[in-house]
Protein backbone atom coordinates (compact mmCIF):
# COMPACT_ATOMS: atom_id res chain seq x y z
CA MET A 1 104.12 -23.06 140.99
CA HIS A 2 103.03 -26.59 140.18
CA VAL A 3 99.27 -26.96 139.69
CA GLU A 4 98.07 -30.36 140.87
CA LYS A 5 94.61 -30.23 139.30
CA LEU A 6 92.41 -27.74 137.51
CA LYS A 7 88.70 -27.92 138.18
CA TYR A 8 85.81 -25.77 137.13
CA ILE A 9 83.03 -25.12 139.66
CA ILE A 10 79.35 -24.55 138.89
CA TRP A 11 76.47 -23.99 141.31
CA ALA A 12 73.32 -26.04 141.75
CA ALA A 13 70.14 -25.58 143.74
CA ASP A 14 69.71 -29.37 143.62
CA LEU A 15 73.13 -31.04 143.82
CA GLY A 16 71.81 -34.57 143.22
CA ARG A 17 69.85 -33.54 140.14
CA ALA A 18 72.84 -31.67 138.71
CA ALA A 19 75.26 -34.54 139.29
CA GLY A 20 72.77 -36.98 137.78
CA PHE A 21 72.40 -34.80 134.69
CA TYR A 22 76.16 -34.73 134.00
CA ARG A 23 76.47 -38.48 134.71
CA THR A 24 73.63 -39.26 132.30
CA VAL A 25 74.43 -36.86 129.47
CA PHE A 26 78.24 -36.75 129.55
CA ASP A 27 79.08 -40.12 131.14
CA ALA A 28 80.68 -38.32 134.10
CA GLU A 29 82.34 -40.33 136.84
CA VAL A 30 81.62 -39.08 140.36
CA VAL A 31 84.95 -39.16 142.21
CA ARG A 32 83.90 -37.29 145.36
CA GLU A 33 80.52 -36.42 146.78
CA SER A 34 79.24 -34.86 149.98
CA GLU A 35 76.10 -33.00 151.02
CA VAL A 36 77.47 -29.72 149.62
CA MET A 37 79.84 -30.64 146.79
CA ALA A 38 80.43 -33.22 144.09
CA GLU A 39 83.46 -33.68 141.84
CA LEU A 40 82.93 -35.35 138.49
CA VAL A 41 85.48 -36.34 135.87
CA ILE A 42 84.38 -35.85 132.27
CA ALA A 43 86.81 -36.65 129.45
CA GLY A 44 89.73 -36.28 131.86
CA SER A 45 88.63 -32.89 133.22
CA THR A 46 87.18 -32.18 136.65
CA LEU A 47 83.84 -30.45 137.09
CA GLY A 48 82.92 -29.44 140.61
CA ILE A 49 79.26 -28.88 141.47
CA HIS A 50 78.56 -26.90 144.62
CA SER A 51 75.18 -26.77 146.32
CA GLY A 52 73.63 -23.46 147.30
CA GLY A 53 72.88 -22.25 143.79
CA GLU A 54 69.78 -20.19 143.17
CA GLY A 55 68.69 -21.86 139.94
CA GLN A 56 69.25 -18.66 137.96
CA ARG A 57 70.44 -18.72 134.36
CA THR A 58 74.24 -18.41 134.50
CA TRP A 59 76.78 -18.43 131.66
CA THR A 60 79.59 -20.87 132.50
CA GLY A 61 81.85 -20.91 129.47
CA LEU A 62 81.82 -24.72 129.54
CA ALA A 63 81.95 -26.43 126.15
CA PHE A 64 81.56 -30.15 125.60
CA GLN A 65 82.89 -31.43 122.27
CA VAL A 66 80.89 -34.42 121.05
CA GLY A 67 80.91 -36.66 118.00
CA ASP A 68 77.21 -36.29 117.13
CA LEU A 69 75.86 -32.85 117.95
CA PHE A 70 72.22 -33.65 117.16
CA ALA A 71 72.23 -36.86 119.24
CA ALA A 72 73.85 -34.95 122.12
CA CYS A 73 71.07 -32.34 122.01
CA THR A 74 68.48 -35.11 122.13
CA ALA A 75 70.21 -36.75 125.13
CA LEU A 76 70.55 -33.41 126.91
CA LYS A 77 66.82 -32.68 126.53
CA ALA A 78 65.88 -36.21 127.64
CA ALA A 79 67.88 -35.68 130.85
CA GLY A 80 66.09 -32.42 131.71
CA GLY A 81 68.37 -29.91 129.99
CA THR A 82 67.26 -27.20 127.57
CA VAL A 83 68.59 -26.45 124.11
CA LEU A 84 68.55 -22.66 123.90
CA ARG A 85 69.84 -22.47 120.33
CA GLU A 86 69.60 -25.55 118.14
CA PRO A 87 72.55 -26.48 115.92
CA GLU A 88 72.14 -25.22 112.38
CA ASP A 89 73.88 -26.00 109.12
CA THR A 90 75.05 -22.95 107.18
CA PRO A 91 76.11 -22.58 103.55
CA GLU A 92 79.73 -22.36 104.77
CA GLU A 93 79.82 -25.46 107.00
CA PRO A 94 77.78 -28.09 108.82
CA ALA A 95 76.37 -27.40 112.27
CA HIS A 96 79.06 -27.27 114.96
CA LEU A 97 77.50 -25.52 117.98
CA ALA A 98 74.41 -25.68 120.20
CA MET A 99 73.76 -23.37 123.15
CA CYS A 100 72.19 -25.23 126.07
CA ALA A 101 71.41 -25.11 129.79
CA ASP A 102 71.49 -27.82 132.43
CA PRO A 103 68.47 -28.29 134.75
CA GLU A 104 70.05 -25.85 137.25
CA GLY A 105 70.24 -23.00 134.71
CA ASN A 106 73.98 -23.29 134.01
CA GLU A 107 74.49 -22.40 130.35
CA ILE A 108 76.83 -24.70 128.42
CA MET A 109 77.79 -25.29 124.81
CA LEU A 110 77.78 -28.51 122.85
CA THR A 111 80.29 -28.41 120.03
CA LYS A 112 81.38 -30.68 117.21
CA GLY A 113 84.99 -30.71 116.04
CA ARG A 114 85.48 -28.84 112.80
CA ALA A 115 87.59 -30.11 109.93
CA PRO A 116 90.71 -28.09 109.10
CA ARG A 117 90.10 -25.48 106.44
CA ALA A 118 91.51 -26.23 103.00
CA GLU A 119 93.37 -22.90 103.00
CA GLU A 120 95.22 -23.89 106.19
CA PRO A 121 97.56 -26.73 105.18
CA GLY A 122 99.35 -28.60 107.90
CA ARG A 123 96.61 -28.35 110.47
CA GLY A 124 96.31 -31.89 111.74
CA GLU A 125 93.59 -31.55 114.36
CA ALA A 126 89.98 -30.53 114.13
CA GLU A 127 89.20 -27.31 115.93
CA PRO A 128 86.27 -26.81 118.33
C-alpha cells in the first residue's frame, strides 16, 4: 500500500489557540483550517489539531528537534506553553531534552541533536 501522507493528530479545547501556539513557536504553516480541524506543516511533517479536546494533560510522543534548546524553551513559555522539566547539563553531555506542554495540555519534547559519540566511528549524523 502506498501511503500518501502521514499526519499526527492532537486534540485541543481551543483550536485557534492551539494552532496559534504551533505557528508562533515552531513556525508552522497552516495548510488547511476549518471550525473543527487544522492541518499544520512543521519541518515537512503534518500536525493535525482537532477541536473537542478536554484540556487534560496528554502525552503525545511528539518531539521537536531545535538548534537552541534554551531559546526554544523561552519561546514556548512566551507563547503560553509550560516547561515541565527544564533542560539540564550533565557531567556526560550538554542538555539535549526538555519536557513541555502546549496550552491545551498536550505534552511534547524539545530536543537538541546530539553529536556522535567518539566510540562510534562512522556515524555522520547527530542523533535526537
